[in-house]
Every structure is written in C-alpha cells, then in structure tokens.
Amino acid sequence: MDKFSGKQIRSLLEEKKASGDLQDPSQCMHADIVKCYEDGEAHRYVCMECGYADKNRAAFFAQINTDQQMG
C-alpha cells in the first residue's frame, strides 16, 4: 500500500478531478487505496480512483457513504 501526505493526496485528487478521471464513489471498485499521513501519523485511507476517504480500511469493502470525500 502506498503512503502519501494529506497535501500530496489532495493535489493528486484535484488533478484527477480537473482532467475528468475521478470516478463516482458509488460505482468505484476501490482498487487503488493509499494511506494518508498527517503530521507523521496515519490519518486516513483514500481511494485514488474516486476520492472516498475513511479512517477504517474495511469501510471500502462495506456500504459506502459517499459524503466522506477527502478535501
């Protein structure tokens, strides 16, 4: 699993959104999950395909709450 700072993830997601490559979270398979770090500590898991974020990695494989996007 890749690890990124929160700033890096926000930047990457903004680029994907601008280019139209960001998927709808309700349709996403969450295949590209990365770990987000804030101040040197694990903060959240983020799907780099749709932007969905949650502190619990298991949330990506359960019912998705689409209003919890990073940003």
N, C-alpha and C. Protein backbone atom coordinates (compact mmCIF):
# COMPACT_ATOMS: atom_id res chain seq x y z
N MET A 1 0.84 -1.17 0.00
CA MET A 1 0.00 0.00 0.00
C MET A 1 0.89 1.24 0.00
N ASP A 2 0.61 2.14 -0.91
CA ASP A 2 1.38 3.38 -0.99
C ASP A 2 1.01 4.31 0.15
N LYS A 3 1.97 5.17 0.52
CA LYS A 3 1.76 6.12 1.61
C LYS A 3 2.04 7.53 1.10
N PHE A 4 1.13 8.46 1.40
CA PHE A 4 1.26 9.84 0.95
C PHE A 4 0.87 10.80 2.06
N SER A 5 1.35 12.02 1.98
CA SER A 5 0.89 13.05 2.91
C SER A 5 -0.48 13.52 2.45
N GLY A 6 -1.23 14.10 3.36
CA GLY A 6 -2.55 14.62 3.02
C GLY A 6 -2.47 15.64 1.90
N LYS A 7 -1.43 16.48 1.92
CA LYS A 7 -1.25 17.51 0.89
C LYS A 7 -1.02 16.87 -0.49
N GLN A 8 -0.21 15.81 -0.53
CA GLN A 8 0.04 15.12 -1.79
C GLN A 8 -1.24 14.51 -2.35
N ILE A 9 -2.02 13.89 -1.48
CA ILE A 9 -3.26 13.25 -1.91
C ILE A 9 -4.25 14.28 -2.44
N ARG A 10 -4.41 15.38 -1.72
CA ARG A 10 -5.33 16.43 -2.19
C ARG A 10 -4.91 16.94 -3.56
N SER A 11 -3.62 17.12 -3.76
CA SER A 11 -3.11 17.60 -5.04
C SER A 11 -3.38 16.59 -6.16
N LEU A 12 -3.11 15.31 -5.90
CA LEU A 12 -3.34 14.27 -6.90
C LEU A 12 -4.83 14.16 -7.24
N LEU A 13 -5.69 14.23 -6.24
CA LEU A 13 -7.13 14.14 -6.49
C LEU A 13 -7.66 15.35 -7.25
N GLU A 14 -7.12 16.54 -6.95
CA GLU A 14 -7.51 17.74 -7.69
C GLU A 14 -7.13 17.61 -9.16
N GLU A 15 -5.94 17.08 -9.44
CA GLU A 15 -5.50 16.88 -10.83
C GLU A 15 -6.43 15.90 -11.55
N LYS A 16 -6.79 14.80 -10.88
CA LYS A 16 -7.69 13.82 -11.50
C LYS A 16 -9.07 14.42 -11.74
N LYS A 17 -9.55 15.22 -10.80
CA LYS A 17 -10.86 15.84 -10.94
C LYS A 17 -10.86 16.82 -12.11
N ALA A 18 -9.80 17.61 -12.23
CA ALA A 18 -9.68 18.58 -13.31
C ALA A 18 -9.64 17.91 -14.68
N SER A 19 -9.00 16.73 -14.75
CA SER A 19 -8.91 16.03 -16.03
C SER A 19 -10.09 15.11 -16.30
N GLY A 20 -11.01 15.01 -15.32
CA GLY A 20 -12.20 14.18 -15.51
C GLY A 20 -11.97 12.70 -15.26
N ASP A 21 -10.87 12.36 -14.60
CA ASP A 21 -10.54 10.95 -14.35
C ASP A 21 -11.04 10.43 -13.01
N LEU A 22 -11.67 11.28 -12.20
CA LEU A 22 -12.16 10.86 -10.89
C LEU A 22 -13.52 10.19 -11.05
N GLN A 23 -13.63 8.97 -10.55
CA GLN A 23 -14.85 8.18 -10.70
C GLN A 23 -15.90 8.56 -9.66
N ASP A 24 -17.13 8.14 -9.90
CA ASP A 24 -18.22 8.28 -8.94
C ASP A 24 -17.99 7.24 -7.84
N PRO A 25 -17.92 7.66 -6.56
CA PRO A 25 -17.64 6.71 -5.47
C PRO A 25 -18.62 5.55 -5.40
N SER A 26 -19.88 5.77 -5.77
CA SER A 26 -20.86 4.68 -5.68
C SER A 26 -20.63 3.61 -6.74
N GLN A 27 -19.88 3.93 -7.79
CA GLN A 27 -19.59 2.98 -8.86
C GLN A 27 -18.16 2.43 -8.80
N CYS A 28 -17.35 2.96 -7.89
CA CYS A 28 -15.93 2.61 -7.83
C CYS A 28 -15.71 1.27 -7.14
N MET A 29 -14.70 0.54 -7.60
CA MET A 29 -14.34 -0.76 -7.01
C MET A 29 -13.25 -0.60 -5.95
N HIS A 30 -12.74 0.60 -5.71
CA HIS A 30 -11.73 0.90 -4.70
C HIS A 30 -10.51 -0.01 -4.82
N ALA A 31 -9.94 -0.06 -6.00
CA ALA A 31 -8.79 -0.92 -6.24
C ALA A 31 -7.46 -0.23 -5.90
N ASP A 32 -7.46 1.09 -5.80
CA ASP A 32 -6.21 1.84 -5.57
C ASP A 32 -6.32 2.61 -4.26
N ILE A 33 -6.19 1.91 -3.14
CA ILE A 33 -6.30 2.53 -1.81
C ILE A 33 -4.91 2.86 -1.30
N VAL A 34 -4.73 4.10 -0.83
CA VAL A 34 -3.45 4.53 -0.27
C VAL A 34 -3.66 5.01 1.17
N LYS A 35 -2.58 5.04 1.93
CA LYS A 35 -2.65 5.51 3.30
C LYS A 35 -2.20 6.97 3.34
N CYS A 36 -2.99 7.80 3.99
CA CYS A 36 -2.73 9.23 4.11
C CYS A 36 -2.15 9.53 5.48
N TYR A 37 -1.08 10.30 5.51
CA TYR A 37 -0.44 10.69 6.76
C TYR A 37 -0.57 12.19 6.98
N GLU A 38 -0.88 12.59 8.20
CA GLU A 38 -0.90 13.99 8.60
C GLU A 38 0.02 14.13 9.80
N ASP A 39 0.94 15.04 9.75
CA ASP A 39 1.90 15.28 10.84
C ASP A 39 2.65 14.01 11.24
N GLY A 40 2.98 13.19 10.27
CA GLY A 40 3.77 11.98 10.51
C GLY A 40 3.01 10.79 11.05
N GLU A 41 1.70 10.92 11.22
CA GLU A 41 0.90 9.82 11.75
C GLU A 41 -0.17 9.41 10.74
N ALA A 42 -0.50 8.11 10.74
CA ALA A 42 -1.56 7.62 9.86
C ALA A 42 -2.86 8.37 10.15
N HIS A 43 -3.51 8.84 9.11
CA HIS A 43 -4.70 9.67 9.28
C HIS A 43 -5.94 9.02 8.67
N ARG A 44 -5.85 8.64 7.41
CA ARG A 44 -6.98 8.06 6.68
C ARG A 44 -6.48 7.16 5.56
N TYR A 45 -7.41 6.34 5.07
CA TYR A 45 -7.20 5.60 3.83
C TYR A 45 -8.00 6.32 2.77
N VAL A 46 -7.44 6.43 1.57
CA VAL A 46 -8.10 7.17 0.50
C VAL A 46 -8.05 6.34 -0.79
N CYS A 47 -9.19 6.27 -1.48
CA CYS A 47 -9.23 5.63 -2.79
C CYS A 47 -8.80 6.66 -3.82
N MET A 48 -7.74 6.38 -4.56
CA MET A 48 -7.22 7.32 -5.54
C MET A 48 -8.00 7.28 -6.85
N GLU A 49 -8.97 6.38 -6.95
CA GLU A 49 -9.80 6.33 -8.16
C GLU A 49 -11.02 7.22 -8.04
N CYS A 50 -11.54 7.40 -6.78
CA CYS A 50 -12.77 8.19 -6.62
C CYS A 50 -12.68 9.26 -5.54
N GLY A 51 -11.69 9.21 -4.67
CA GLY A 51 -11.53 10.22 -3.63
C GLY A 51 -12.20 9.88 -2.31
N TYR A 52 -12.88 8.74 -2.22
CA TYR A 52 -13.52 8.34 -0.97
C TYR A 52 -12.45 8.14 0.11
N ALA A 53 -12.72 8.66 1.32
CA ALA A 53 -11.75 8.57 2.42
C ALA A 53 -12.44 8.10 3.68
N ASP A 54 -11.73 7.28 4.47
CA ASP A 54 -12.26 6.81 5.75
C ASP A 54 -11.09 6.39 6.63
N LYS A 55 -11.24 6.51 7.93
CA LYS A 55 -10.19 6.10 8.87
C LYS A 55 -10.08 4.59 8.97
N ASN A 56 -11.14 3.88 8.58
CA ASN A 56 -11.19 2.43 8.67
C ASN A 56 -11.10 1.83 7.27
N ARG A 57 -10.07 1.03 7.01
CA ARG A 57 -9.88 0.44 5.67
C ARG A 57 -11.05 -0.47 5.28
N ALA A 58 -11.67 -1.11 6.26
CA ALA A 58 -12.79 -2.01 5.97
C ALA A 58 -13.98 -1.27 5.38
N ALA A 59 -14.07 0.03 5.58
CA ALA A 59 -15.20 0.81 5.05
C ALA A 59 -15.23 0.77 3.52
N PHE A 60 -14.11 0.50 2.89
CA PHE A 60 -14.05 0.46 1.44
C PHE A 60 -14.70 -0.80 0.88
N PHE A 61 -14.90 -1.76 1.74
CA PHE A 61 -15.47 -3.03 1.30
C PHE A 61 -16.86 -3.25 1.87
N ALA A 62 -17.39 -2.24 2.56
CA ALA A 62 -18.74 -2.29 3.13
C ALA A 62 -19.61 -1.28 2.40
N GLN A 63 -20.73 -0.94 2.99
CA GLN A 63 -21.62 0.07 2.41
C GLN A 63 -20.89 1.40 2.35
N ILE A 64 -20.89 2.04 1.21
CA ILE A 64 -20.14 3.28 1.01
C ILE A 64 -21.00 4.48 1.35
N ASN A 65 -20.44 5.39 2.15
CA ASN A 65 -21.09 6.65 2.47
C ASN A 65 -20.38 7.71 1.62
N THR A 66 -20.99 8.14 0.53
CA THR A 66 -20.31 8.96 -0.46
C THR A 66 -20.07 10.40 -0.02
N ASP A 67 -20.58 10.82 1.13
CA ASP A 67 -20.35 12.21 1.54
C ASP A 67 -19.07 12.38 2.35
N GLN A 68 -18.22 11.36 2.44
CA GLN A 68 -16.98 11.46 3.20
C GLN A 68 -15.77 11.52 2.30
N GLN A 69 -15.79 12.41 1.34
CA GLN A 69 -14.64 12.53 0.44
C GLN A 69 -13.60 13.45 1.05
N MET A 70 -12.36 13.20 0.69
CA MET A 70 -11.24 13.99 1.19
C MET A 70 -11.33 15.39 0.59
N GLY A 71 -11.01 16.39 1.34
CA GLY A 71 -10.95 17.71 0.75
C GLY A 71 -11.35 18.82 1.61
